[in-house]
Structure formats: C-alpha cells, structure tokens
Amino acid sequence: MSIYEYEVKTIRGESQTLEPYKGEVMLIVNTATKCGFAPQFDGLEKLHQTFRDQGLAVLGFPSSQFMNQELEEDSAIEEACKLNHGVTFPLFSKIDVNGSQAHPLYKHLTSEAPGALGIKAIKWNFTKFLVDRSGKVVKRFAPTDTPEKMEEDIKKLLK
C-alpha cells in the first residue's frame, strides 16, 4: 500500500488520505504539547515556513502514549500549538503510534524506517520520519534530533 492511501483524520475530525501531499517531501512527526521536546514545534514551524513553497509538508500527529503528555481534546491540542508555538502546519487527530492500536500509517513508517538496532517501536514523542517526493520513507530521526539538524537532509530531497 502506498503511503498516500492511508486514511487519516485532520485535527478537526475530517477524514482524508495523504494524497494531497503526493509529490511533496513530507516530514511526519508524532507530537505532544506537554512534552519536554515541545519547543521543537517552533523549529518545525520554521521548517514549514522556510520550505513549504519548495515542496515540504510538515505533518504533526499528536499522541498521548508517552507519559500522557498530550491534551485530551483535538481542539485543545490545536489551540495550544497555535498559541504557544505559532503552528500553521497541518495537525491531525490524536493517534496511537505503538502497540496493537497503532495507526496504520505509523505501522508503515516504523517498518520502512526502523530505529536503532532495528527496533520498530517509537521510543518517544517527536520521532520524525522524512519521506521523499515519491512516497518512500528515507530517514528516521530521534526525538533528540532538532528540526535544525534535519535541514540538510530536507534540502537534498527538495532539489
């Protein structure tokens, strides 16, 4: 199955696939507004602002699987991201990224780009996946990898 066929829900509850992002470089991130890594929202927004016109789509997928560090309601998540970090990139409805209830998109991402030692599970909030313009998952970044650290990899894929 192509990455573009996975059905996702926007932060406002509308169903869609990733088809609108076909031909773009995607940076897919599992986020959490109450996480110590939440300041990365600022760097992700900067990437979005800097490279969106060149074909970068930053996509945020909130998850509460790590110490329950995400707000309960999607509307509160959206508001916190906008007010605290100025987020304008697309956010999606809260999902599970690990376990039996993991979203199929995340099952795909983790099988295509396992982490250290081949481990597929997401270790923490702000794990990032870089997907090229043809929909191939090309790289996985750890939660500690800042958005600034990914800039060179993004630039290569945008060329």
Protein backbone atom coordinates (compact mmCIF):
# COMPACT_ATOMS: atom_id res chain seq x y z
CA MET A 1 0.00 0.00 0.00
CA SER A 2 1.27 3.46 -0.91
CA ILE A 3 1.81 5.97 1.89
CA TYR A 4 -0.68 8.23 0.08
CA GLU A 5 -3.52 5.72 0.59
CA TYR A 6 -3.52 5.76 4.39
CA GLU A 7 -6.62 7.39 5.80
CA VAL A 8 -6.01 9.99 8.48
CA LYS A 9 -8.23 12.44 10.36
CA THR A 10 -7.43 16.12 10.45
CA ILE A 11 -7.29 17.85 13.83
CA ARG A 12 -10.87 18.96 13.05
CA GLY A 13 -12.06 15.39 12.50
CA GLU A 14 -12.25 15.33 8.71
CA SER A 15 -11.17 12.08 7.03
CA GLN A 16 -8.66 12.28 4.22
CA THR A 17 -5.71 10.38 2.79
CA LEU A 18 -2.16 11.68 2.36
CA GLU A 19 -2.85 12.02 -1.39
CA PRO A 20 -2.81 15.86 -1.18
CA TYR A 21 0.90 15.60 -0.28
CA LYS A 22 1.83 13.45 -3.29
CA GLY A 23 4.91 14.93 -4.95
CA GLU A 24 5.96 16.76 -1.81
CA VAL A 25 8.65 15.91 0.71
CA MET A 26 6.89 15.03 3.97
CA LEU A 27 8.25 15.35 7.49
CA ILE A 28 5.91 13.30 9.68
CA VAL A 29 6.21 13.83 13.44
CA ASN A 30 4.44 12.39 16.48
CA THR A 31 3.91 15.35 18.77
CA ALA A 32 2.85 16.11 22.34
CA THR A 33 2.17 19.60 23.64
CA LYS A 34 3.19 18.86 27.26
CA CYS A 35 6.45 17.10 26.37
CA GLY A 36 9.88 18.50 27.19
CA PHE A 37 10.57 18.40 23.43
CA ALA A 38 7.56 20.65 22.69
CA PRO A 39 9.88 23.61 21.92
CA GLN A 40 10.64 21.67 18.71
CA PHE A 41 7.25 22.90 17.47
CA ASP A 42 8.99 26.23 16.90
CA GLY A 43 11.71 24.63 14.75
CA LEU A 44 9.16 22.53 12.86
CA GLU A 45 7.14 25.66 12.12
CA LYS A 46 10.30 27.39 10.91
CA LEU A 47 10.99 24.47 8.53
CA HIS A 48 7.39 24.72 7.33
CA GLN A 49 7.65 28.46 6.71
CA THR A 50 11.07 28.22 5.05
CA PHE A 51 10.50 25.25 2.74
CA ARG A 52 6.75 24.85 2.11
CA ASP A 53 6.95 26.79 -1.16
CA GLN A 54 9.70 24.40 -2.30
CA GLY A 55 7.52 21.37 -1.57
CA LEU A 56 7.96 20.46 2.11
CA ALA A 57 4.92 19.33 4.09
CA VAL A 58 5.40 19.13 7.86
CA LEU A 59 2.66 16.91 9.31
CA GLY A 60 2.03 16.65 13.05
CA PHE A 61 0.35 13.61 14.60
CA PRO A 62 -0.36 14.15 18.31
CA SER A 63 -0.03 11.10 20.55
CA SER A 64 -0.52 10.60 24.26
CA GLN A 65 1.31 7.29 24.51
CA PHE A 66 4.36 8.59 26.34
CA MET A 67 3.53 9.59 29.93
CA ASN A 68 0.19 11.02 28.76
CA GLN A 69 1.87 14.24 27.59
CA GLU A 70 -0.85 15.29 25.17
CA LEU A 71 -4.05 17.16 25.85
CA GLU A 72 -7.31 15.20 25.70
CA GLU A 73 -9.25 17.08 23.04
CA ASP A 74 -8.05 17.73 19.48
CA SER A 75 -9.40 21.29 19.67
CA ALA A 76 -7.27 21.98 22.77
CA ILE A 77 -4.21 20.48 21.04
CA GLU A 78 -4.73 22.72 18.01
CA GLU A 79 -5.20 25.80 20.20
CA ALA A 80 -2.09 25.07 22.31
CA CYS A 81 0.05 24.53 19.21
CA LYS A 82 -1.12 27.81 17.66
CA LEU A 83 -0.98 29.94 20.81
CA ASN A 84 2.26 28.59 22.28
CA HIS A 85 4.24 27.89 19.11
CA GLY A 86 2.53 29.65 16.21
CA VAL A 87 1.94 26.35 14.43
CA THR A 88 0.39 26.68 10.97
CA PHE A 89 1.50 23.33 9.52
CA PRO A 90 -1.16 20.59 9.30
CA LEU A 91 -2.05 18.78 12.50
CA PHE A 92 -4.02 15.57 12.64
CA SER A 93 -6.25 13.90 15.19
CA LYS A 94 -4.57 12.25 18.17
CA ILE A 95 -3.46 8.68 17.44
CA ASP A 96 -1.53 5.75 18.87
CA VAL A 97 1.89 5.25 17.31
CA ASN A 98 2.76 1.97 19.06
CA GLY A 99 1.01 -1.24 20.02
CA SER A 100 -1.99 -3.10 18.71
CA GLN A 101 -3.94 0.14 18.24
CA ALA A 102 -1.13 1.91 16.38
CA HIS A 103 -2.35 3.86 13.39
CA PRO A 104 -1.65 2.01 10.10
CA LEU A 105 0.41 4.98 8.88
CA TYR A 106 2.76 4.55 11.83
CA LYS A 107 2.95 0.80 11.30
CA HIS A 108 4.08 1.60 7.76
CA LEU A 109 6.58 4.28 8.82
CA THR A 110 8.20 2.14 11.50
CA SER A 111 8.51 -0.90 9.24
CA GLU A 112 10.05 1.20 6.46
CA ALA A 113 12.47 3.02 8.76
CA PRO A 114 13.17 1.09 11.96
CA GLY A 115 15.12 2.79 14.72
CA ALA A 116 18.40 1.85 16.35
CA LEU A 117 19.12 -1.88 16.39
CA GLY A 118 16.20 -2.43 14.01
CA ILE A 119 13.61 -1.65 16.67
CA LYS A 120 10.35 -0.62 15.04
CA ALA A 121 8.62 0.92 18.07
CA ILE A 122 8.53 4.66 18.55
CA LYS A 123 10.58 5.45 21.67
CA TRP A 124 9.18 8.88 22.50
CA ASN A 125 7.40 12.00 21.31
CA PHE A 126 8.90 13.93 18.40
CA THR A 127 10.24 10.95 16.47
CA LYS A 128 10.41 12.21 12.90
CA PHE A 129 10.16 10.47 9.51
CA LEU A 130 11.36 12.04 6.29
CA VAL A 131 9.53 10.88 3.16
CA ASP A 132 10.70 11.74 -0.36
CA ARG A 133 8.57 13.10 -3.20
CA SER A 134 7.76 9.58 -4.43
CA GLY A 135 6.43 8.46 -1.04
CA LYS A 136 9.49 6.47 0.07
CA VAL A 137 10.40 6.72 3.75
CA VAL A 138 14.06 7.70 3.58
CA LYS A 139 15.09 8.51 7.14
CA ARG A 140 14.02 8.33 10.75
CA PHE A 141 15.15 10.95 13.26
CA ALA A 142 15.26 10.50 17.03
CA PRO A 143 13.27 12.74 19.39
CA THR A 144 16.52 14.47 20.36
CA ASP A 145 17.25 15.39 16.72
CA THR A 146 16.20 19.01 16.40
CA PRO A 147 14.42 20.30 13.30
CA GLU A 148 17.52 22.38 12.51
CA LYS A 149 19.60 19.20 12.37
CA MET A 150 17.31 17.83 9.63
CA GLU A 151 17.58 20.84 7.35
CA GLU A 152 20.37 19.47 5.12
CA ASP A 153 18.54 16.18 4.56
CA ILE A 154 15.39 18.11 3.66
CA LYS A 155 17.25 20.39 1.24
CA LYS A 156 18.69 17.34 -0.59
CA LEU A 157 15.23 15.88 -1.10
CA LEU A 158 13.73 19.19 -2.23
CA LYS A 159 16.21 19.53 -5.11
